[in-house]
């Protein structure tokens, strides 16, 4: 009897050890660096972009120094922020400390996500970002030269047209909804320029595909929250439901030419369900000449 119990205890301990070995690495919340390359004939030199998304006011060191140092090491030509940098429930101090650190040092572009809209303070948030040197895009396009012209087009989250604040409150720009914004931006594109769309939502691919953008950058999906490496790229994402098609990574849309990069986001302590095999992500994109 004692021998049987001893064998059972050993088996239970072994099973517990195996389970712990599988679970503990999956709870790693350290910031991961993800690199993507996009090739184009439209630029004569490499352009390096940083994509940040879904910070949700989370803490990355004192005065956001972890994120700030990552941006400094990347030495980007532009920083793209794909929404939900603020949150409707979390304090704003970590977001503002990041903006303070990078807004005047780098070319920064920012679009509003659903959580900024839900706060009913999106106009105030946009003003705070703008006052720190960050360009907030609301159905607008801004250009810069990087071995060729890169046009950054930005659209606000669709919820903006449903909440107390109107779209025009955000930047004083247009008051059209997301589909109309994309339609107007699409019609303004210059084929010789590298045309980039900065948006919060990856699931609106029916609006992006065939619109003339070379690259779409998005967030929102939080990497599907839980993953099983090599098997499941994400279990659930808002706006997409179970087993989302666009949880995080690099995609080619149905038109065969538009590429989309989706960040898994930066949210940590703001999420009620912990990430699993889904580390928060600092995304670097290199657009290289063919």
Protein backbone atom coordinates (compact mmCIF):
# COMPACT_ATOMS: atom_id res chain seq x y z
CA UNK A 1 0.00 0.00 0.00
CA UNK A 2 2.77 2.42 0.98
CA UNK A 3 4.64 1.58 -2.21
CA UNK A 4 1.52 2.27 -4.28
CA UNK A 5 1.02 5.65 -2.55
CA UNK A 6 4.67 6.50 -3.07
CA UNK A 7 4.42 5.71 -6.78
CA UNK A 8 1.21 7.78 -7.04
CA UNK A 9 2.85 10.73 -5.27
CA UNK A 10 5.83 10.57 -7.62
CA UNK A 11 3.51 10.54 -10.62
CA UNK A 12 1.56 13.50 -9.23
CA UNK A 13 4.77 15.42 -8.58
CA UNK A 14 6.01 14.63 -12.06
CA UNK A 15 2.71 15.76 -13.57
CA UNK A 16 2.80 18.96 -11.51
CA UNK A 17 6.36 19.64 -12.62
CA UNK A 18 5.43 19.12 -16.28
CA UNK A 19 2.40 21.41 -15.90
CA UNK A 20 4.49 24.09 -14.21
CA UNK A 21 7.14 23.82 -16.92
CA UNK A 22 4.43 24.40 -19.54
CA UNK A 23 2.50 27.16 -17.73
CA UNK A 24 5.19 29.35 -16.13
CA UNK A 25 6.95 30.35 -19.40
CA UNK A 26 3.55 31.20 -20.85
CA UNK A 27 3.03 33.87 -18.18
CA UNK A 28 6.18 35.76 -19.15
CA UNK A 29 5.18 39.44 -19.34
CA UNK A 30 8.54 40.87 -20.43
CA UNK A 31 8.56 43.12 -23.45
CA UNK A 32 9.35 41.26 -26.68
CA UNK A 33 10.85 42.87 -29.79
CA UNK A 34 9.25 41.85 -33.07
CA UNK A 35 10.87 42.79 -36.39
CA UNK A 36 9.23 42.89 -39.80
CA UNK A 37 10.56 43.81 -43.23
CA UNK A 38 8.54 45.30 -46.07
CA UNK A 39 10.14 45.62 -49.52
CA UNK A 40 9.20 48.39 -51.93
CA UNK A 41 10.41 50.06 -55.11
CA UNK A 42 9.10 53.41 -53.82
CA UNK A 43 11.99 54.22 -51.45
CA UNK A 44 15.69 54.60 -52.20
CA UNK A 45 16.84 53.91 -48.66
CA UNK A 46 15.64 51.92 -45.66
CA UNK A 47 12.98 53.55 -43.49
CA UNK A 48 12.72 52.31 -39.92
CA UNK A 49 9.40 52.59 -38.11
CA UNK A 50 8.37 51.71 -34.57
CA UNK A 51 4.79 50.53 -34.02
CA UNK A 52 3.31 50.92 -30.53
CA UNK A 53 -0.24 49.93 -29.69
CA UNK A 54 -2.63 49.27 -26.82
CA UNK A 55 -0.52 50.59 -23.96
CA UNK A 56 -3.70 51.19 -21.95
CA UNK A 57 -1.75 53.34 -19.51
CA UNK A 58 0.38 50.40 -18.33
CA UNK A 59 3.69 50.91 -16.56
CA UNK A 60 7.02 50.23 -18.24
CA UNK A 61 9.48 51.44 -15.66
CA UNK A 62 9.82 54.81 -13.99
CA UNK A 63 8.54 57.47 -16.40
CA UNK A 64 8.08 54.73 -19.02
CA UNK A 65 11.87 54.46 -19.31
CA UNK A 66 11.75 50.86 -20.59
CA UNK A 67 9.71 51.84 -23.64
CA UNK A 68 11.64 55.07 -24.05
CA UNK A 69 14.95 53.20 -24.11
CA UNK A 70 13.62 50.71 -26.66
CA UNK A 71 12.59 53.59 -28.93
CA UNK A 72 15.99 55.24 -28.48
CA UNK A 73 17.82 52.03 -29.42
CA UNK A 74 15.60 51.58 -32.48
CA UNK A 75 16.43 55.11 -33.71
CA UNK A 76 13.28 55.24 -35.87
CA UNK A 77 12.40 57.57 -38.71
CA UNK A 78 8.88 57.63 -37.29
CA UNK A 79 6.88 56.21 -34.38
CA UNK A 80 3.37 54.97 -35.15
CA UNK A 81 0.84 54.65 -32.33
CA UNK A 82 -2.18 52.58 -33.31
CA UNK A 83 -4.65 53.54 -30.60
CA UNK A 84 -5.59 52.67 -27.00
CA UNK A 85 -2.45 54.31 -25.68
CA UNK A 86 -4.75 55.85 -23.06
CA UNK A 87 -7.43 53.84 -21.29
CA UNK A 88 -10.92 54.65 -20.05
CA UNK A 89 -10.17 53.21 -16.57
CA UNK A 90 -6.40 53.31 -16.03
CA UNK A 91 -4.51 56.47 -14.95
CA UNK A 92 -2.94 58.50 -17.75
CA UNK A 93 0.41 59.27 -16.13
CA UNK A 94 2.33 56.42 -17.80
CA UNK A 95 1.00 57.34 -21.22
CA UNK A 96 1.88 60.99 -20.72
CA UNK A 97 5.37 60.16 -19.47
CA UNK A 98 5.97 58.20 -22.68
CA UNK A 99 4.64 61.08 -24.78
CA UNK A 100 6.83 63.51 -22.84
CA UNK A 101 9.89 61.39 -23.59
CA UNK A 102 9.37 60.76 -27.32
CA UNK A 103 7.02 63.43 -28.65
CA UNK A 104 9.59 66.12 -29.34
CA UNK A 105 12.48 63.77 -30.19
CA UNK A 106 10.86 61.63 -32.90
CA UNK A 107 8.35 62.01 -35.69
CA UNK A 108 5.25 60.56 -33.98
CA UNK A 109 1.81 59.75 -35.42
CA UNK A 110 -1.17 58.67 -33.32
CA UNK A 111 -4.77 57.55 -33.95
CA UNK A 112 -7.52 57.06 -31.40
CA UNK A 113 -8.70 53.59 -30.40
CA UNK A 114 -11.96 52.48 -28.85
CA UNK A 115 -10.81 52.97 -25.24
CA UNK A 116 -9.91 56.61 -25.82
CA UNK A 117 -13.37 57.06 -27.32
CA UNK A 118 -15.11 55.20 -24.48
CA UNK A 119 -13.50 57.57 -21.97
CA UNK A 120 -15.48 60.51 -23.43
CA UNK A 121 -12.22 62.42 -23.02
CA UNK A 122 -10.72 61.73 -26.43
CA UNK A 123 -10.57 65.42 -27.38
CA UNK A 124 -8.68 66.16 -24.17
CA UNK A 125 -6.35 63.21 -24.77
CA UNK A 126 -5.69 64.35 -28.34
CA UNK A 127 -4.86 67.84 -27.06
CA UNK A 128 -2.41 66.43 -24.51
CA UNK A 129 -0.71 64.35 -27.21
CA UNK A 130 -0.54 67.30 -29.62
CA UNK A 131 0.93 69.60 -26.98
CA UNK A 132 3.78 67.10 -26.60
CA UNK A 133 4.67 67.16 -30.28
CA UNK A 134 2.64 64.13 -31.41
CA UNK A 135 0.61 64.35 -34.61
CA UNK A 136 -2.93 63.06 -34.02
CA UNK A 137 -4.54 61.90 -37.26
CA UNK A 138 -8.30 61.92 -37.72
CA UNK A 139 -9.00 61.08 -41.35
CA UNK A 140 -5.90 63.03 -42.32
CA UNK A 141 -2.61 62.47 -44.13
CA UNK A 142 0.88 63.69 -43.27
CA UNK A 143 4.01 63.19 -45.38
CA UNK A 144 7.72 62.93 -44.75
CA UNK A 145 10.74 62.20 -46.90
CA UNK A 146 12.83 59.11 -46.26
CA UNK A 147 14.54 58.25 -49.53
CA UNK A 148 11.11 58.84 -51.06
CA UNK A 149 7.80 60.21 -49.83
CA UNK A 150 5.98 58.28 -47.12
CA UNK A 151 2.37 59.34 -46.67
CA UNK A 152 0.97 58.40 -43.25
CA UNK A 153 -2.82 58.27 -43.32
CA UNK A 154 -4.66 57.92 -40.03
CA UNK A 155 -8.26 57.01 -39.18
CA UNK A 156 -10.09 57.22 -35.87
CA UNK A 157 -11.86 54.23 -34.30
CA UNK A 158 -15.44 53.66 -35.56
CA UNK A 159 -16.85 54.16 -32.05
CA UNK A 160 -16.10 57.88 -32.36
CA UNK A 161 -19.27 58.47 -34.34
CA UNK A 162 -21.37 56.74 -31.65
CA UNK A 163 -20.15 58.53 -28.52
CA UNK A 164 -20.76 61.92 -26.94
CA UNK A 165 -17.73 63.54 -28.53
CA UNK A 166 -17.94 63.96 -32.27
CA UNK A 167 -15.04 63.15 -34.56
CA UNK A 168 -14.50 66.85 -35.18
CA UNK A 169 -13.91 67.36 -31.42
CA UNK A 170 -10.82 65.15 -31.53
CA UNK A 171 -8.53 67.24 -33.71
CA UNK A 172 -10.78 69.85 -35.22
CA UNK A 173 -10.53 67.79 -38.40
CA UNK A 174 -13.20 65.96 -40.32
CA UNK A 175 -16.41 64.59 -38.84
CA UNK A 176 -16.79 61.55 -41.12
CA UNK A 177 -16.81 57.97 -39.88
CA UNK A 178 -14.10 55.40 -40.52
CA UNK A 179 -15.37 54.10 -43.92
CA UNK A 180 -15.75 57.64 -45.23
CA UNK A 181 -12.32 58.62 -43.90
CA UNK A 182 -10.71 55.65 -45.65
CA UNK A 183 -12.58 56.40 -48.87
CA UNK A 184 -11.39 60.02 -48.92
CA UNK A 185 -7.83 59.08 -48.02
CA UNK A 186 -7.80 56.37 -50.69
CA UNK A 187 -8.86 58.86 -53.35
CA UNK A 188 -6.05 61.21 -52.31
CA UNK A 189 -3.23 58.68 -52.58
CA UNK A 190 -0.28 59.33 -54.88
CA UNK A 191 0.76 56.00 -56.48
CA UNK A 192 4.46 56.99 -56.53
CA UNK A 193 4.46 57.55 -52.75
CA UNK A 194 4.68 54.82 -50.12
CA UNK A 195 1.15 54.91 -48.70
CA UNK A 196 0.75 53.78 -45.09
CA UNK A 197 -2.52 53.51 -43.18
CA UNK A 198 -2.41 53.83 -39.38
CA UNK A 199 -5.57 52.37 -37.84
CA UNK A 200 -6.62 50.74 -34.60
CA UNK A 201 -8.67 47.85 -35.94
CA UNK A 202 -7.19 45.02 -38.03
CA UNK A 203 -10.54 43.34 -38.68
CA UNK A 204 -11.79 45.98 -41.12
CA UNK A 205 -9.82 44.38 -43.95
CA UNK A 206 -12.75 44.79 -46.36
CA UNK A 207 -12.12 48.55 -46.12
CA UNK A 208 -8.34 48.33 -46.45
CA UNK A 209 -7.95 45.80 -49.24
CA UNK A 210 -7.91 47.40 -52.66
CA UNK A 211 -7.84 50.94 -51.25
CA UNK A 212 -4.34 51.61 -52.54
CA UNK A 213 -2.33 51.39 -49.31
CA UNK A 214 1.06 49.71 -49.42
CA UNK A 215 1.01 48.95 -45.70
CA UNK A 216 -1.64 48.92 -42.97
CA UNK A 217 -0.52 49.05 -39.33
CA UNK A 218 -2.96 48.14 -36.55
CA UNK A 219 -3.37 46.85 -32.99
CA UNK A 220 -6.54 46.20 -30.95
CA UNK A 221 -6.43 42.39 -30.99
CA UNK A 222 -4.01 42.02 -28.04
CA UNK A 223 -2.53 38.99 -29.77
CA UNK A 224 -5.67 36.97 -29.14
CA UNK A 225 -4.76 37.13 -25.41
CA UNK A 226 -3.89 33.43 -25.13
CA UNK A 227 -1.75 31.54 -27.64
CA UNK A 228 -0.34 28.08 -28.16
CA UNK A 229 2.90 28.58 -30.10
CA UNK A 230 2.93 26.96 -33.54
CA UNK A 231 -0.67 25.79 -33.07
CA UNK A 232 -3.03 28.66 -32.17
CA UNK A 233 -2.15 32.28 -32.94
CA UNK A 234 -4.82 33.61 -30.58
CA UNK A 235 -7.97 32.43 -28.84
CA UNK A 236 -10.06 35.60 -28.76
CA UNK A 237 -9.83 39.18 -30.03
CA UNK A 238 -12.34 42.02 -29.77
CA UNK A 239 -14.10 42.63 -33.05
CA UNK A 240 -13.08 39.21 -34.36
CA UNK A 241 -14.27 36.73 -31.75
CA UNK A 242 -12.80 33.28 -31.24
CA UNK A 243 -9.65 32.20 -33.10
CA UNK A 244 -9.13 35.59 -34.78
CA UNK A 245 -7.66 35.72 -38.26
CA UNK A 246 -5.64 38.85 -37.48
CA UNK A 247 -4.40 38.43 -33.89
CA UNK A 248 -0.85 39.59 -34.54
CA UNK A 249 1.77 39.29 -37.24
CA UNK A 250 2.29 40.15 -40.90
CA UNK A 251 -0.45 39.52 -43.45
CA UNK A 252 -1.13 40.01 -47.16
CA UNK A 253 -4.70 41.16 -47.83
CA UNK A 254 -7.03 39.78 -50.49
CA UNK A 255 -5.93 42.27 -53.14
CA UNK A 256 -2.54 40.51 -53.12
CA UNK A 257 -0.54 43.72 -52.73
CA UNK A 258 -1.54 45.39 -49.44
CA UNK A 259 0.48 44.18 -46.48
CA UNK A 260 -0.81 44.52 -42.90
CA UNK A 261 1.18 44.36 -39.67
CA UNK A 262 -0.77 43.85 -36.46
CA UNK A 263 0.90 44.52 -33.11
CA UNK A 264 0.08 42.26 -30.18
CA UNK A 265 0.07 45.39 -28.05
CA UNK A 266 1.61 46.52 -24.79
CA UNK A 267 -1.23 46.00 -22.27
CA UNK A 268 -0.28 44.13 -19.11
CA UNK A 269 -1.84 45.06 -15.75
CA UNK A 270 -4.87 46.67 -17.43
CA UNK A 271 -6.22 43.32 -18.66
CA UNK A 272 -8.36 41.18 -16.29
CA UNK A 273 -7.18 37.99 -18.04
CA UNK A 274 -3.39 37.56 -18.12
CA UNK A 275 -1.56 37.02 -21.39
CA UNK A 276 -0.50 33.45 -22.05
CA UNK A 277 2.42 32.73 -24.41
CA UNK A 278 1.69 36.20 -25.70
CA UNK A 279 4.30 38.65 -24.48
CA UNK A 280 3.65 42.39 -24.90
CA UNK A 281 5.25 43.57 -28.09
CA UNK A 282 7.54 46.34 -29.31
CA UNK A 283 7.32 46.27 -33.10
CA UNK A 284 10.04 47.43 -35.49
CA UNK A 285 9.30 47.70 -39.21
CA UNK A 286 11.98 48.18 -41.84
CA UNK A 287 10.78 49.32 -45.24
CA UNK A 288 13.64 48.46 -47.58
CA UNK A 289 14.17 49.27 -51.27
CA UNK A 290 13.91 46.48 -53.82
